[in-house]
Amino acid sequence: MKKALLLLLALGLLLSAAVGAYAEEEVALYRGQVVREITLYAQMDEESAKLGYIPKMRQVDILGVEPAWLRVRHRDQVGYIKRHLMVDSSVKTVNPATTPPYSTVENEYLAWVVGEAPVQTAPDVNAETLITIKDGGRLALIDIQDGWGRLIYHRQYAYINTNHFSEIQPINKLEEAGSEAPIAAYTSFYRITTDPSNINRMINLQVACDRFTLYTLSQGDKLDFNQHIGPYSRKVGYLPANALVDGEVVQGYGGGTCQVSSTLYNVILQLPGINILHRRPHGPAAAPYLPHGADAAVGNKTQNLIISNLYDFPVRIDGTAQDGALTIAIYRAD
């Protein structure tokens, strides 16, 4: 009898432990399918330990999203996979009420550079410099920690010392009227080489940014990127430059405007009051200047970004392109 009671007590403890472990299991943010059989790594490093393999088209829980990696759970194992190995169209938000759309990177600040500011690979004055932003340059920051602003440079985190800023403005996340701060902002980076095609591309970025000033979106208004920021012609001011079409680099008037639409898309992802009516990503390789799957192609009937304003106040879009930093912000316009 005593042995039976001890066995029942042990079984009860085991069940309690199992229920506790289940209750403490990390909640998934998203769920999606992998493109093929892939390796699950212990760290965000292909040289780290291999935890196993995930079969082709198998669904996994996505626990965290990084610029180049996803933290996922497959069966009872948690590890990392390269972000481009996820079928982006398959990703679904587990709880849309509490989780922003997949690929959303919320930015906390908008800052202006004074003098010259190196964008570096680590929060260390001796770290490698990726690009240098000069006086007046504008950057959206994910956050600020220990005097360093954090942002995304292509598909890696980058850092900038806040001593290089003349002003740091918190994003107006409560969307309060009367605030001079934007309600959302995002920065992507572009090449600043001086070959003729890239010079034209940089001009096209500025032309597209300038055209945003022509439009204010009242409640219910739409912005059709091809229609309003285009047409992509010399008459409007666009020049021929390299463009990414279905994964291939081609020459075309307005080459580079996809980076403007893609950066705008990353701003819109942060705003529940802006509705995305149409968006198409680039091909499987995606746009290299943003984290994989966070782009929006424009240029023809199927490649376009169309949005509408659902807020009960008007909004305006403001873009700047300087020293390799393309920053787009959305403001209340009342």
Protein backbone atom coordinates (compact mmCIF):
# COMPACT_ATOMS: atom_id res chain seq x y z
CA MET A 1 0.00 0.00 0.00
CA LYS A 2 2.81 2.35 0.96
CA LYS A 3 4.62 1.59 -2.32
CA ALA A 4 1.46 2.29 -4.28
CA LEU A 5 1.04 5.65 -2.59
CA LEU A 6 4.67 6.54 -3.32
CA LEU A 7 4.21 5.59 -6.97
CA LEU A 8 1.06 7.71 -7.22
CA LEU A 9 2.89 10.65 -5.60
CA ALA A 10 5.81 10.33 -8.01
CA LEU A 11 3.43 10.12 -10.96
CA GLY A 12 1.64 13.23 -9.73
CA LEU A 13 4.91 15.13 -9.47
CA LEU A 14 5.88 14.08 -12.99
CA LEU A 15 2.50 15.19 -14.37
CA SER A 16 2.76 18.52 -12.53
CA ALA A 17 6.24 19.06 -13.96
CA ALA A 18 5.03 18.22 -17.45
CA VAL A 19 2.05 20.60 -17.16
CA GLY A 20 4.34 23.32 -15.80
CA ALA A 21 6.80 22.88 -18.67
CA TYR A 22 3.93 23.00 -21.17
CA ALA A 23 2.51 26.13 -19.54
CA GLU A 24 5.90 27.83 -19.71
CA GLU A 25 6.46 26.94 -23.38
CA GLU A 26 7.35 30.05 -25.34
CA VAL A 27 4.41 31.40 -27.30
CA ALA A 28 4.91 31.57 -31.08
CA LEU A 29 4.64 34.94 -32.80
CA TYR A 30 4.12 33.51 -36.29
CA ARG A 31 3.84 30.17 -38.08
CA GLY A 32 5.17 29.37 -41.54
CA GLN A 33 6.64 26.74 -43.85
CA VAL A 34 10.26 26.21 -44.83
CA VAL A 35 11.13 26.07 -48.55
CA ARG A 36 13.14 22.83 -48.43
CA GLU A 37 14.86 20.49 -46.01
CA ILE A 38 17.03 22.76 -43.89
CA THR A 39 19.40 22.67 -40.94
CA LEU A 40 18.37 23.91 -37.51
CA TYR A 41 21.34 25.63 -35.81
CA ALA A 42 21.99 26.24 -32.12
CA GLN A 43 23.09 29.85 -32.77
CA MET A 44 22.82 32.47 -35.52
CA ASP A 45 25.92 31.01 -37.12
CA GLU A 46 26.26 28.24 -39.69
CA GLU A 47 29.39 27.14 -37.84
CA SER A 48 27.42 26.51 -34.64
CA ALA A 49 26.10 23.11 -33.53
CA LYS A 50 23.47 21.47 -35.73
CA LEU A 51 20.36 20.55 -33.77
CA GLY A 52 18.78 18.54 -36.56
CA TYR A 53 16.91 18.98 -39.83
CA ILE A 54 13.49 20.33 -40.72
CA PRO A 55 11.78 18.50 -43.64
CA LYS A 56 10.73 20.35 -46.79
CA MET A 57 7.54 22.44 -46.47
CA ARG A 58 7.22 21.58 -42.79
CA GLN A 59 5.46 24.16 -40.65
CA VAL A 60 7.40 25.68 -37.77
CA ASP A 61 6.68 28.14 -34.98
CA ILE A 62 8.54 31.44 -35.35
CA LEU A 63 9.61 32.73 -31.94
CA GLY A 64 11.82 35.63 -33.00
CA VAL A 65 12.75 37.59 -36.14
CA GLU A 66 16.27 38.93 -36.78
CA PRO A 67 17.59 40.69 -39.93
CA ALA A 68 19.07 37.48 -41.41
CA TRP A 69 17.79 34.72 -39.09
CA LEU A 70 14.62 33.35 -37.56
CA ARG A 71 14.40 31.73 -34.14
CA VAL A 72 12.04 28.80 -34.59
CA ARG A 73 10.60 25.78 -32.82
CA HIS A 74 10.25 22.47 -34.63
CA ARG A 75 8.70 19.72 -32.55
CA ASP A 76 10.49 20.06 -29.22
CA GLN A 77 13.65 21.77 -30.51
CA VAL A 78 14.34 25.51 -30.58
CA GLY A 79 17.06 26.92 -32.81
CA TYR A 80 17.83 29.20 -35.75
CA ILE A 81 17.31 29.04 -39.52
CA LYS A 82 18.32 31.49 -42.25
CA ARG A 83 15.47 33.87 -42.94
CA HIS A 84 15.45 33.36 -46.71
CA LEU A 85 14.56 29.68 -46.16
CA MET A 86 11.08 30.59 -44.99
CA VAL A 87 8.20 30.77 -47.51
CA ASP A 88 7.24 34.36 -46.76
CA SER A 89 3.76 34.01 -48.24
CA SER A 90 3.05 31.13 -45.84
CA VAL A 91 3.77 33.11 -42.67
CA LYS A 92 0.71 33.82 -40.55
CA THR A 93 0.53 35.90 -37.37
CA VAL A 94 -0.61 33.77 -34.44
CA ASN A 95 -2.31 36.63 -32.59
CA PRO A 96 -2.76 39.75 -34.76
CA ALA A 97 -4.24 41.64 -31.82
CA THR A 98 -0.95 41.57 -29.92
CA THR A 99 1.68 40.93 -32.60
CA PRO A 100 2.60 43.25 -35.49
CA PRO A 101 2.72 41.86 -39.05
CA TYR A 102 5.68 39.65 -39.99
CA SER A 103 8.80 41.67 -40.90
CA THR A 104 7.74 44.67 -38.82
CA VAL A 105 10.66 46.53 -37.23
CA GLU A 106 9.35 49.16 -34.84
CA ASN A 107 11.53 52.25 -34.61
CA GLU A 108 11.61 54.36 -31.46
CA TYR A 109 13.46 57.49 -32.60
CA LEU A 110 14.22 59.80 -35.50
CA ALA A 111 17.63 61.49 -35.26
CA TRP A 112 19.66 64.10 -37.15
CA VAL A 113 23.43 63.90 -37.64
CA VAL A 114 25.78 66.73 -36.81
CA GLY A 115 29.26 66.69 -38.34
CA GLU A 116 30.11 63.18 -39.52
CA ALA A 117 28.72 59.97 -38.04
CA PRO A 118 30.10 56.49 -38.81
CA VAL A 119 27.56 53.66 -38.92
CA GLN A 120 29.42 50.73 -37.35
CA THR A 121 29.13 46.97 -37.06
CA ALA A 122 29.13 47.01 -33.24
CA PRO A 123 28.55 49.53 -30.43
CA ASP A 124 32.28 50.18 -30.18
CA VAL A 125 34.24 53.20 -31.44
CA ASN A 126 36.86 50.79 -32.82
CA ALA A 127 34.35 48.67 -34.77
CA GLU A 128 34.28 48.53 -38.57
CA THR A 129 32.59 51.46 -40.31
CA LEU A 130 29.93 50.47 -42.84
CA ILE A 131 29.10 53.94 -44.10
CA THR A 132 29.46 57.54 -42.91
CA ILE A 133 26.50 59.91 -42.68
CA LYS A 134 27.28 63.63 -42.87
CA ASP A 135 25.82 66.77 -41.34
CA GLY A 136 22.04 66.97 -41.59
CA GLY A 137 21.54 63.28 -42.40
CA ARG A 138 18.42 61.74 -40.92
CA LEU A 139 18.15 58.23 -39.44
CA ALA A 140 15.38 56.17 -37.87
CA LEU A 141 16.57 54.15 -34.85
CA ILE A 142 15.16 50.90 -33.49
CA ASP A 143 16.29 51.82 -30.00
CA ILE A 144 19.12 53.41 -27.99
CA GLN A 145 21.23 51.42 -25.55
CA ASP A 146 24.24 52.70 -23.58
CA GLY A 147 24.62 55.73 -25.84
CA TRP A 148 24.38 53.80 -29.12
CA GLY A 149 21.52 53.96 -31.59
CA ARG A 150 20.64 50.66 -33.28
CA LEU A 151 19.32 50.22 -36.81
CA ILE A 152 19.49 47.70 -39.66
CA TYR A 153 22.11 48.01 -42.39
CA HIS A 154 21.05 45.66 -45.21
CA ARG A 155 20.74 42.36 -43.29
CA GLN A 156 22.66 43.05 -40.12
CA TYR A 157 22.32 45.27 -37.10
CA ALA A 158 24.39 48.44 -37.14
CA TYR A 159 25.14 51.09 -34.54
CA ILE A 160 25.78 54.81 -34.35
CA ASN A 161 27.11 56.78 -31.39
CA THR A 162 24.43 59.19 -30.18
CA ASN A 163 27.10 61.85 -29.59
CA HIS A 164 26.94 62.37 -33.36
CA PHE A 165 23.32 63.55 -33.25
CA SER A 166 22.17 67.16 -33.03
CA GLU A 167 18.61 66.06 -32.22
CA ILE A 168 16.92 62.82 -31.19
CA GLN A 169 13.14 62.85 -31.51
CA PRO A 170 10.97 60.09 -29.99
CA ILE A 171 8.47 58.63 -32.44
CA ASN A 172 4.91 59.81 -31.74
CA LYS A 173 3.61 56.27 -31.17
CA LEU A 174 0.42 57.46 -29.47
CA GLU A 175 -0.30 59.40 -32.67
CA GLU A 176 -1.18 62.50 -30.66
CA ALA A 177 -2.31 65.62 -32.47
CA GLY A 178 0.00 68.62 -32.27
CA SER A 179 3.20 66.59 -32.07
CA GLU A 180 5.95 67.52 -34.51
CA ALA A 181 7.33 63.96 -34.40
CA PRO A 182 6.42 61.35 -36.99
CA ILE A 183 4.05 58.50 -36.10
CA ALA A 184 6.47 56.02 -37.74
CA ALA A 185 9.81 56.02 -39.59
CA TYR A 186 12.31 53.65 -41.19
CA THR A 187 15.80 53.88 -42.74
CA SER A 188 17.30 51.66 -45.42
CA PHE A 189 20.76 52.07 -46.96
CA TYR A 190 21.88 52.33 -50.58
CA ARG A 191 25.21 52.25 -52.44
CA ILE A 192 26.97 55.59 -53.00
CA THR A 193 29.38 54.49 -55.74
CA THR A 194 29.98 56.96 -58.57
CA ASP A 195 29.41 54.73 -61.59
CA PRO A 196 26.90 56.37 -63.98
CA SER A 197 24.06 53.92 -63.33
CA ASN A 198 24.30 54.32 -59.56
CA ILE A 199 24.51 58.11 -59.81
CA ASN A 200 21.24 57.97 -61.78
CA ARG A 201 19.79 55.60 -59.18
CA MET A 202 20.57 58.05 -56.38
CA ILE A 203 18.90 60.85 -58.36
CA ASN A 204 15.83 58.64 -58.78
CA LEU A 205 15.65 58.07 -55.03
CA GLN A 206 15.51 61.82 -54.45
CA VAL A 207 12.96 62.37 -57.24
CA ALA A 208 10.65 59.79 -55.63
CA CYS A 209 11.10 61.35 -52.19
CA ASP A 210 10.31 64.80 -53.59
CA ARG A 211 7.08 63.51 -55.16
CA PHE A 212 5.75 62.48 -51.74
CA THR A 213 5.36 66.19 -50.98
CA LEU A 214 2.65 66.45 -53.66
CA TYR A 215 0.19 64.36 -51.66
CA THR A 216 -1.59 64.43 -48.32
CA LEU A 217 -3.81 61.46 -47.53
CA SER A 218 -7.07 62.31 -45.80
CA GLN A 219 -9.22 59.59 -44.26
CA GLY A 220 -10.09 57.08 -47.00
CA ASP A 221 -7.56 58.45 -49.50
CA LYS A 222 -5.30 56.06 -51.42
CA LEU A 223 -1.71 56.36 -52.58
CA ASP A 224 -0.95 54.32 -55.70
CA PHE A 225 2.84 54.30 -55.93
CA ASN A 226 3.06 53.72 -59.68
CA GLN A 227 0.48 56.38 -60.40
CA HIS A 228 1.41 59.05 -57.87
CA ILE A 229 5.16 58.63 -57.41
CA GLY A 230 5.48 57.66 -61.07
CA PRO A 231 5.22 57.71 -63.97
CA TYR A 232 8.84 56.59 -64.24
CA SER A 233 9.88 58.80 -67.13
CA ARG A 234 12.43 61.46 -68.01
CA LYS A 235 9.63 64.03 -68.12
CA VAL A 236 9.04 63.56 -64.38
CA GLY A 237 12.78 63.66 -63.67
CA TYR A 238 13.64 59.97 -63.51
CA LEU A 239 16.77 58.64 -65.21
CA PRO A 240 17.73 55.14 -66.47
CA ALA A 241 19.39 53.01 -63.78
CA ASN A 242 19.67 49.44 -62.60
CA ALA A 243 16.45 47.92 -61.29
CA LEU A 244 15.60 44.50 -59.84
CA VAL A 245 12.89 42.72 -61.84
CA ASP A 246 11.97 39.12 -60.95
CA GLY A 247 15.38 38.67 -59.39
CA GLU A 248 17.24 40.00 -62.44
CA VAL A 249 19.06 43.35 -62.69
CA VAL A 250 17.86 45.37 -65.69
CA GLN A 251 18.14 49.00 -66.84
CA GLY A 252 15.04 51.13 -66.75
CA TYR A 253 13.80 54.65 -66.09
CA GLY A 254 13.16 55.07 -62.40
CA GLY A 255 15.58 52.34 -61.38
CA GLY A 256 15.88 52.53 -57.59
CA THR A 257 12.29 53.54 -56.85
CA CYS A 258 11.66 50.02 -55.54
CA GLN A 259 13.89 50.91 -52.61
CA VAL A 260 11.68 53.91 -51.90
CA SER A 261 8.49 51.82 -52.05
CA SER A 262 10.13 49.09 -49.95
CA THR A 263 11.27 51.55 -47.30
CA LEU A 264 7.78 53.06 -47.24
CA TYR A 265 6.38 49.53 -46.81
CA ASN A 266 8.52 49.09 -43.69
CA VAL A 267 7.11 52.34 -42.30
CA ILE A 268 3.53 51.25 -43.03
CA LEU A 269 4.03 47.89 -41.29
CA GLN A 270 4.34 49.88 -38.05
CA LEU A 271 0.99 51.66 -38.54
CA PRO A 272 -2.29 49.79 -38.01
CA GLY A 273 -4.18 52.77 -39.43
CA ILE A 274 -2.59 52.48 -42.88
CA ASN A 275 -4.08 49.66 -44.93
CA ILE A 276 -2.03 47.82 -47.58
CA LEU A 277 -4.32 47.19 -50.54
CA HIS A 278 -1.68 45.77 -52.87
CA ARG A 279 1.91 44.73 -52.38
CA ARG A 280 4.16 42.35 -54.24
CA PRO A 281 7.67 41.38 -53.09
CA HIS A 282 10.61 40.96 -55.43
CA GLY A 283 11.68 37.47 -56.53
CA PRO A 284 12.96 34.71 -54.21
CA ALA A 285 16.29 36.49 -53.69
CA ALA A 286 14.38 39.59 -52.51
CA ALA A 287 15.88 43.07 -52.27
CA PRO A 288 19.37 42.94 -50.70
CA TYR A 289 19.08 46.35 -49.03
CA LEU A 290 16.44 45.07 -46.58
CA PRO A 291 15.88 41.99 -44.42
CA HIS A 292 14.57 39.12 -46.54
CA GLY A 293 10.87 39.40 -47.32
CA ALA A 294 10.52 43.03 -46.19
CA ASP A 295 10.36 44.61 -49.66
CA ALA A 296 7.67 45.93 -52.03
CA ALA A 297 8.33 45.99 -55.77
CA VAL A 298 6.89 48.66 -58.07
CA GLY A 299 7.06 49.41 -61.79
CA ASN A 300 4.19 47.66 -63.59
CA LYS A 301 0.58 46.47 -63.20
CA THR A 302 1.44 43.59 -60.92
CA GLN A 303 4.38 45.25 -59.17
CA ASN A 304 2.89 48.09 -57.20
CA LEU A 305 2.31 49.34 -53.66
CA ILE A 306 -1.16 50.73 -52.98
CA ILE A 307 -2.14 51.96 -49.53
CA SER A 308 -5.12 53.72 -47.96
CA ASN A 309 -5.44 55.90 -44.88
CA LEU A 310 -7.90 54.50 -42.33
CA TYR A 311 -7.03 57.04 -39.65
CA ASP A 312 -9.54 59.77 -38.78
CA PHE A 313 -6.81 62.32 -39.46
CA PRO A 314 -4.78 63.14 -42.59
CA VAL A 315 -1.20 61.95 -42.99
CA ARG A 316 1.75 63.02 -45.09
CA ILE A 317 4.85 61.12 -46.19
CA ASP A 318 8.30 62.67 -45.96
CA GLY A 319 11.41 61.12 -47.53
CA THR A 320 15.10 62.05 -47.54
CA ALA A 321 18.08 60.45 -49.28
CA GLN A 322 21.55 61.51 -48.16
CA ASP A 323 24.96 59.82 -47.92
CA GLY A 324 23.53 56.34 -48.49
CA ALA A 325 20.69 56.62 -45.98
CA LEU A 326 17.11 56.62 -47.28
CA THR A 327 14.73 57.64 -44.49
CA ILE A 328 10.96 57.80 -44.81
CA ALA A 329 8.66 59.07 -42.09
CA ILE A 330 4.88 59.47 -41.86
CA TYR A 331 3.40 62.43 -39.96
CA ARG A 332 -0.03 63.60 -38.91
CA ALA A 333 -0.99 66.38 -41.30
CA ASP A 334 -3.73 68.10 -39.29
